[in-house]
Amino acid sequence: MTMALRRGIALLGLCIFGCMASAAATPSAQETMMVGTWYGEFAPRPGMPVQRFLYNRKADGSFTLVARLYEPGKPPTELRNSGLWGISNGLYFTVTTEVDGVRTDTRSPDTINPYLVQELKQDAFSYRHVLSGNVFRVVRVPPDRTLPAQ
């Protein structure tokens, strides 16, 4: 990916987030629908490790993510992210502000992830990462849901 493209994506994310932050205090129907705990599984290709994850999106625009990578014969590797999220006009994005307790440089394009909303219902959400094309599908789960040990 070229540096110009990375900068463009970073600016897009920051502009959208800034616009949403200054919008009316009343959340949109999409924002309200996305608040809560969501579970998903992702494997980039057959034979690759499976990633299982829990997203907790709050009404204040913050999120926490717990993800585990499951490889046969190895203990799962866990990652914890937190940051900001938003949705507007079919674009969902996250800005990761912390990875495993360490603050990130939010000016870095690597911390901003734009997604195109494929489907958003009360109990199911699918979205496609703009850069990679990877599609993620998640389902709403109770807030006390945990990831499997293996």
Protein backbone atom coordinates (compact mmCIF):
# COMPACT_ATOMS: atom_id res chain seq x y z
CA MET A 1 0.00 0.00 0.00
CA THR A 2 1.39 3.39 -0.92
CA MET A 3 2.05 6.03 1.69
CA ALA A 4 -0.40 8.38 -0.07
CA LEU A 5 -3.17 5.76 0.19
CA ARG A 6 -2.39 5.16 3.88
CA ARG A 7 -2.53 8.89 4.57
CA GLY A 8 -5.78 9.17 2.65
CA ILE A 9 -7.37 6.39 4.70
CA ALA A 10 -6.11 7.94 7.93
CA LEU A 11 -7.55 11.32 6.98
CA LEU A 12 -10.85 9.71 5.94
CA GLY A 13 -11.15 7.95 9.28
CA LEU A 14 -10.27 11.03 11.27
CA CYS A 15 -12.66 13.19 9.26
CA ILE A 16 -15.52 10.76 9.72
CA PHE A 17 -14.80 10.36 13.41
CA GLY A 18 -14.58 14.12 13.85
CA CYS A 19 -17.87 14.64 12.03
CA MET A 20 -19.59 12.02 14.15
CA ALA A 21 -18.15 13.40 17.37
CA SER A 22 -19.61 16.80 16.56
CA ALA A 23 -22.99 15.42 15.49
CA ALA A 24 -26.10 15.61 17.63
CA ALA A 25 -26.04 13.76 20.94
CA THR A 26 -28.83 11.46 19.78
CA PRO A 27 -27.31 8.28 18.32
CA SER A 28 -28.46 7.04 14.92
CA ALA A 29 -30.43 3.81 14.56
CA GLN A 30 -27.28 2.09 13.24
CA GLU A 31 -25.21 3.27 16.20
CA THR A 32 -27.84 2.10 18.66
CA MET A 33 -28.06 -1.29 16.94
CA MET A 34 -24.29 -1.85 17.12
CA VAL A 35 -23.93 -1.18 20.84
CA GLY A 36 -23.38 -4.39 22.80
CA THR A 37 -21.27 -7.54 22.71
CA TRP A 38 -20.64 -9.35 19.42
CA TYR A 39 -18.89 -12.68 18.71
CA GLY A 40 -17.15 -13.66 15.50
CA GLU A 41 -14.78 -16.19 13.95
CA PHE A 42 -12.39 -15.59 11.08
CA ALA A 43 -9.90 -17.72 9.14
CA PRO A 44 -8.18 -15.91 6.26
CA ARG A 45 -7.69 -19.13 4.26
CA PRO A 46 -8.25 -22.86 4.71
CA GLY A 47 -5.51 -24.34 6.88
CA MET A 48 -4.76 -20.99 8.55
CA PRO A 49 -5.29 -20.46 12.29
CA VAL A 50 -8.81 -19.52 13.33
CA GLN A 51 -9.34 -16.23 15.08
CA ARG A 52 -12.27 -15.94 17.49
CA PHE A 53 -13.13 -12.56 18.90
CA LEU A 54 -15.49 -10.63 21.13
CA TYR A 55 -16.21 -6.97 20.42
CA ASN A 56 -17.88 -4.85 23.05
CA ARG A 57 -19.07 -1.56 21.57
CA LYS A 58 -20.33 1.09 23.97
CA ALA A 59 -22.80 3.91 23.31
CA ASP A 60 -20.05 6.47 24.03
CA GLY A 61 -18.18 5.36 20.88
CA SER A 62 -15.53 3.28 22.64
CA PHE A 63 -14.82 -0.41 22.12
CA THR A 64 -12.86 -3.29 23.58
CA LEU A 65 -11.81 -6.31 21.56
CA VAL A 66 -10.55 -9.62 22.87
CA ALA A 67 -9.23 -11.92 20.15
CA ARG A 68 -7.66 -15.36 20.33
CA LEU A 69 -5.73 -17.09 17.61
CA TYR A 70 -6.17 -20.87 17.68
CA GLU A 71 -3.44 -22.98 16.05
CA PRO A 72 -3.53 -26.79 16.28
CA GLY A 73 -1.11 -28.11 18.90
CA LYS A 74 -0.41 -24.68 20.41
CA PRO A 75 -2.02 -22.73 23.24
CA PRO A 76 -4.19 -19.86 21.99
CA THR A 77 -2.57 -16.44 21.62
CA GLU A 78 -4.65 -13.60 23.00
CA LEU A 79 -4.77 -9.95 21.98
CA ARG A 80 -6.69 -7.11 23.63
CA ASN A 81 -7.43 -3.86 21.83
CA SER A 82 -9.44 -0.82 22.76
CA GLY A 83 -10.34 2.33 20.95
CA LEU A 84 -13.08 4.27 19.23
CA TRP A 85 -15.70 3.18 16.70
CA GLY A 86 -18.28 4.80 14.50
CA ILE A 87 -20.69 4.16 11.67
CA SER A 88 -22.07 6.54 9.09
CA ASN A 89 -23.58 6.14 5.61
CA GLY A 90 -22.57 2.49 5.22
CA LEU A 91 -19.01 2.99 6.50
CA TYR A 92 -17.99 1.41 9.80
CA PHE A 93 -14.58 2.19 11.23
CA THR A 94 -12.41 1.66 14.25
CA VAL A 95 -9.49 3.67 15.61
CA THR A 96 -7.35 1.49 17.88
CA THR A 97 -5.95 3.55 20.76
CA GLU A 98 -4.47 0.71 22.82
CA VAL A 99 -3.06 -2.77 22.10
CA ASP A 100 -2.45 -5.06 25.09
CA GLY A 101 -2.39 -2.07 27.44
CA VAL A 102 0.07 -0.03 25.34
CA ARG A 103 -1.09 3.25 23.78
CA THR A 104 -0.89 3.43 19.98
CA ASP A 105 -0.03 6.35 17.73
CA THR A 106 -3.52 7.16 16.46
CA ARG A 107 -1.99 9.25 13.67
CA SER A 108 -0.68 6.02 12.16
CA PRO A 109 -2.82 4.57 9.35
CA ASP A 110 -2.31 1.13 10.92
CA THR A 111 -4.60 2.09 13.79
CA ILE A 112 -7.51 3.12 11.56
CA ASN A 113 -9.61 0.41 9.94
CA PRO A 114 -12.42 1.32 7.53
CA TYR A 115 -15.09 -1.27 6.67
CA LEU A 116 -18.07 -1.28 4.32
CA VAL A 117 -21.26 -2.46 6.02
CA GLN A 118 -22.62 -5.54 4.24
CA GLU A 119 -25.56 -6.21 6.58
CA LEU A 120 -26.63 -4.86 9.95
CA LYS A 121 -29.52 -6.42 11.85
CA GLN A 122 -30.37 -6.49 15.53
CA ASP A 123 -28.62 -9.85 16.02
CA ALA A 124 -26.15 -10.09 13.09
CA PHE A 125 -23.61 -7.79 11.47
CA SER A 126 -21.28 -8.34 8.52
CA TYR A 127 -18.69 -5.91 7.22
CA ARG A 128 -15.86 -5.91 4.66
CA HIS A 129 -12.44 -4.42 5.34
CA VAL A 130 -11.82 -1.78 2.67
CA LEU A 131 -8.11 -2.57 2.16
CA SER A 132 -7.94 -6.36 2.48
CA GLY A 133 -11.43 -7.28 1.29
CA ASN A 134 -11.79 -9.65 4.28
CA VAL A 135 -15.41 -10.10 5.34
CA PHE A 136 -16.26 -10.43 9.02
CA ARG A 137 -19.54 -11.78 10.34
CA VAL A 138 -20.52 -11.39 13.96
CA VAL A 139 -23.56 -12.22 16.05
CA ARG A 140 -24.88 -10.52 19.15
CA VAL A 141 -24.14 -12.42 22.36
CA PRO A 142 -24.78 -11.83 26.08
CA PRO A 143 -22.25 -9.48 27.73
CA ASP A 144 -20.88 -12.29 29.90
CA ARG A 145 -19.88 -14.42 26.89
CA THR A 146 -16.26 -15.61 26.94
CA LEU A 147 -13.99 -17.07 24.29
CA PRO A 148 -13.39 -20.83 24.23
CA ALA A 149 -10.21 -22.03 25.95
CA GLN A 150 -9.25 -24.21 22.97
